[in-house]
């Protein structure tokens, strides 16, 4: 079992930056990959970024590539999502996810075994 808790969401102005954090606890040594997803009202949950835990290889959606950065601090079992140049389309609930199984596709929700409760990010224009 892996528990995930997100933090760092809030209300920001367009063009500003924000950093989300995800604290992992439990059987974290089994982590294969960590991901960030988001869900806006009336829309499906959308892949944002992911990291293969051992290699640190990263993956990004086209909508955030170049603006968002996923990183980790394995000593603290933390994963971060640095978000820059935010715009109103980034408004959503952001979720952290963990996979403890070997996955090939990092961009789908079904690849992940555990999810956090989400943190709201609202960007005002």
Protein backbone atom coordinates (compact mmCIF):
# COMPACT_ATOMS: atom_id res chain seq x y z
CA UNK A 1 0.00 0.00 0.00
CA UNK A 2 1.24 3.47 -0.90
CA UNK A 3 -0.35 6.64 0.45
CA UNK A 4 -0.05 9.87 -1.50
CA UNK A 5 -0.82 13.37 -0.28
CA UNK A 6 -0.66 16.40 -2.57
CA UNK A 7 -0.12 19.97 -1.46
CA UNK A 8 0.76 23.35 -2.90
CA UNK A 9 -2.33 24.15 -4.91
CA UNK A 10 -4.01 27.53 -4.78
CA UNK A 11 -5.15 30.60 -6.66
CA UNK A 12 -2.63 32.35 -8.90
CA UNK A 13 -2.65 34.95 -11.65
CA UNK A 14 -2.01 34.05 -15.26
CA UNK A 15 1.70 34.01 -16.01
CA UNK A 16 2.69 33.10 -12.47
CA UNK A 17 4.31 29.91 -11.22
CA UNK A 18 3.37 27.29 -8.66
CA UNK A 19 4.99 24.17 -7.25
CA UNK A 20 2.96 21.16 -6.25
CA UNK A 21 4.31 18.52 -3.89
CA UNK A 22 3.35 14.90 -3.39
CA UNK A 23 4.36 13.10 -0.23
CA UNK A 24 4.51 9.32 -0.52
CA UNK A 25 4.43 6.90 2.39
CA UNK A 26 4.01 3.17 2.87
CA UNK A 27 5.61 0.70 0.49
CA UNK A 28 7.49 3.34 -1.45
CA UNK A 29 10.46 1.06 -2.18
CA UNK A 30 8.21 -0.74 -4.66
CA UNK A 31 7.59 2.41 -6.69
CA UNK A 32 8.14 1.96 -10.42
CA UNK A 33 6.86 5.30 -11.62
CA UNK A 34 5.20 8.48 -10.37
CA UNK A 35 2.86 10.63 -12.35
CA UNK A 36 0.86 13.83 -12.26
CA UNK A 37 -2.59 14.11 -13.78
CA UNK A 38 -5.22 16.81 -13.71
CA UNK A 39 -8.96 16.99 -14.13
CA UNK A 40 -10.92 20.09 -15.04
CA UNK A 41 -14.69 20.34 -14.46
CA UNK A 42 -16.60 18.29 -17.00
CA UNK A 43 -13.45 16.78 -18.48
CA UNK A 44 -11.64 13.48 -18.17
CA UNK A 45 -8.54 13.10 -16.08
CA UNK A 46 -5.57 14.16 -18.20
CA UNK A 47 -1.93 13.05 -18.11
CA UNK A 48 0.56 15.81 -17.31
CA UNK A 49 3.93 14.36 -16.39
CA UNK A 50 5.58 11.17 -15.19
CA UNK A 51 8.92 9.91 -14.01
CA UNK A 52 10.39 6.43 -14.12
CA UNK A 53 11.62 6.14 -10.57
CA UNK A 54 14.98 4.39 -10.97
CA UNK A 55 16.16 5.99 -14.22
CA UNK A 56 14.57 9.40 -13.61
CA UNK A 57 13.41 9.43 -17.22
CA UNK A 58 10.58 11.90 -17.60
CA UNK A 59 7.52 12.18 -19.80
CA UNK A 60 5.31 15.19 -20.47
CA UNK A 61 2.12 15.97 -22.28
CA UNK A 62 2.39 18.36 -25.20
CA UNK A 63 0.18 20.85 -23.37
CA UNK A 64 2.73 21.39 -20.58
CA UNK A 65 6.05 20.47 -22.18
CA UNK A 66 8.53 23.28 -21.61
CA UNK A 67 6.41 24.85 -18.83
CA UNK A 68 6.11 22.09 -16.23
CA UNK A 69 8.88 20.05 -14.64
CA UNK A 70 8.54 16.88 -12.61
CA UNK A 71 11.25 16.14 -10.07
CA UNK A 72 11.80 13.99 -7.04
CA UNK A 73 13.59 13.88 -3.72
CA UNK A 74 13.93 10.18 -3.00
CA UNK A 75 15.42 10.83 0.43
CA UNK A 76 12.13 12.42 1.46
CA UNK A 77 9.84 10.30 -0.73
CA UNK A 78 8.62 13.47 -2.39
CA UNK A 79 7.64 14.22 -5.97
CA UNK A 80 7.21 17.77 -7.22
CA UNK A 81 5.57 19.45 -10.17
CA UNK A 82 6.97 22.86 -10.96
CA UNK A 83 4.50 24.81 -13.09
CA UNK A 84 5.47 28.00 -14.91
CA UNK A 85 3.66 30.48 -17.11
CA UNK A 86 0.29 29.27 -15.91
CA UNK A 87 -2.84 30.12 -17.86
CA UNK A 88 -6.56 29.65 -17.32
CA UNK A 89 -6.51 26.31 -19.16
CA UNK A 90 -4.30 24.93 -16.39
CA UNK A 91 -7.13 25.33 -13.89
CA UNK A 92 -7.96 21.87 -12.57
CA UNK A 93 -7.61 19.48 -9.67
CA UNK A 94 -4.12 18.00 -9.81
CA UNK A 95 -3.51 14.41 -8.74
CA UNK A 96 -0.36 12.53 -7.89
CA UNK A 97 -0.22 8.84 -8.82
CA UNK A 98 2.10 5.93 -8.20
CA UNK A 99 2.68 2.66 -9.97
CA UNK A 100 4.27 -0.28 -8.18
CA UNK A 101 4.14 -2.51 -11.24
CA UNK A 102 6.23 -2.42 -14.39
CA UNK A 103 4.42 -0.25 -16.91
CA UNK A 104 5.05 0.53 -20.53
CA UNK A 105 2.62 3.36 -21.04
CA UNK A 106 3.16 6.14 -18.55
CA UNK A 107 0.41 8.40 -19.81
CA UNK A 108 -2.76 6.49 -18.94
CA UNK A 109 -4.63 6.47 -15.65
CA UNK A 110 -4.96 2.69 -15.75
CA UNK A 111 -1.17 2.31 -15.43
CA UNK A 112 -1.19 3.66 -11.87
CA UNK A 113 -2.13 1.80 -8.73
CA UNK A 114 -2.42 4.56 -6.13
CA UNK A 115 -3.77 8.09 -6.19
CA UNK A 116 -3.76 11.09 -3.93
CA UNK A 117 -6.84 13.09 -3.03
CA UNK A 118 -5.95 15.96 -5.35
CA UNK A 119 -5.13 19.63 -4.91
CA UNK A 120 -6.98 22.48 -6.62
CA UNK A 121 -5.10 24.89 -8.89
CA UNK A 122 -7.01 27.92 -10.10
CA UNK A 123 -5.49 30.38 -12.55
CA UNK A 124 -7.23 33.70 -12.94
CA UNK A 125 -6.77 35.77 -16.08
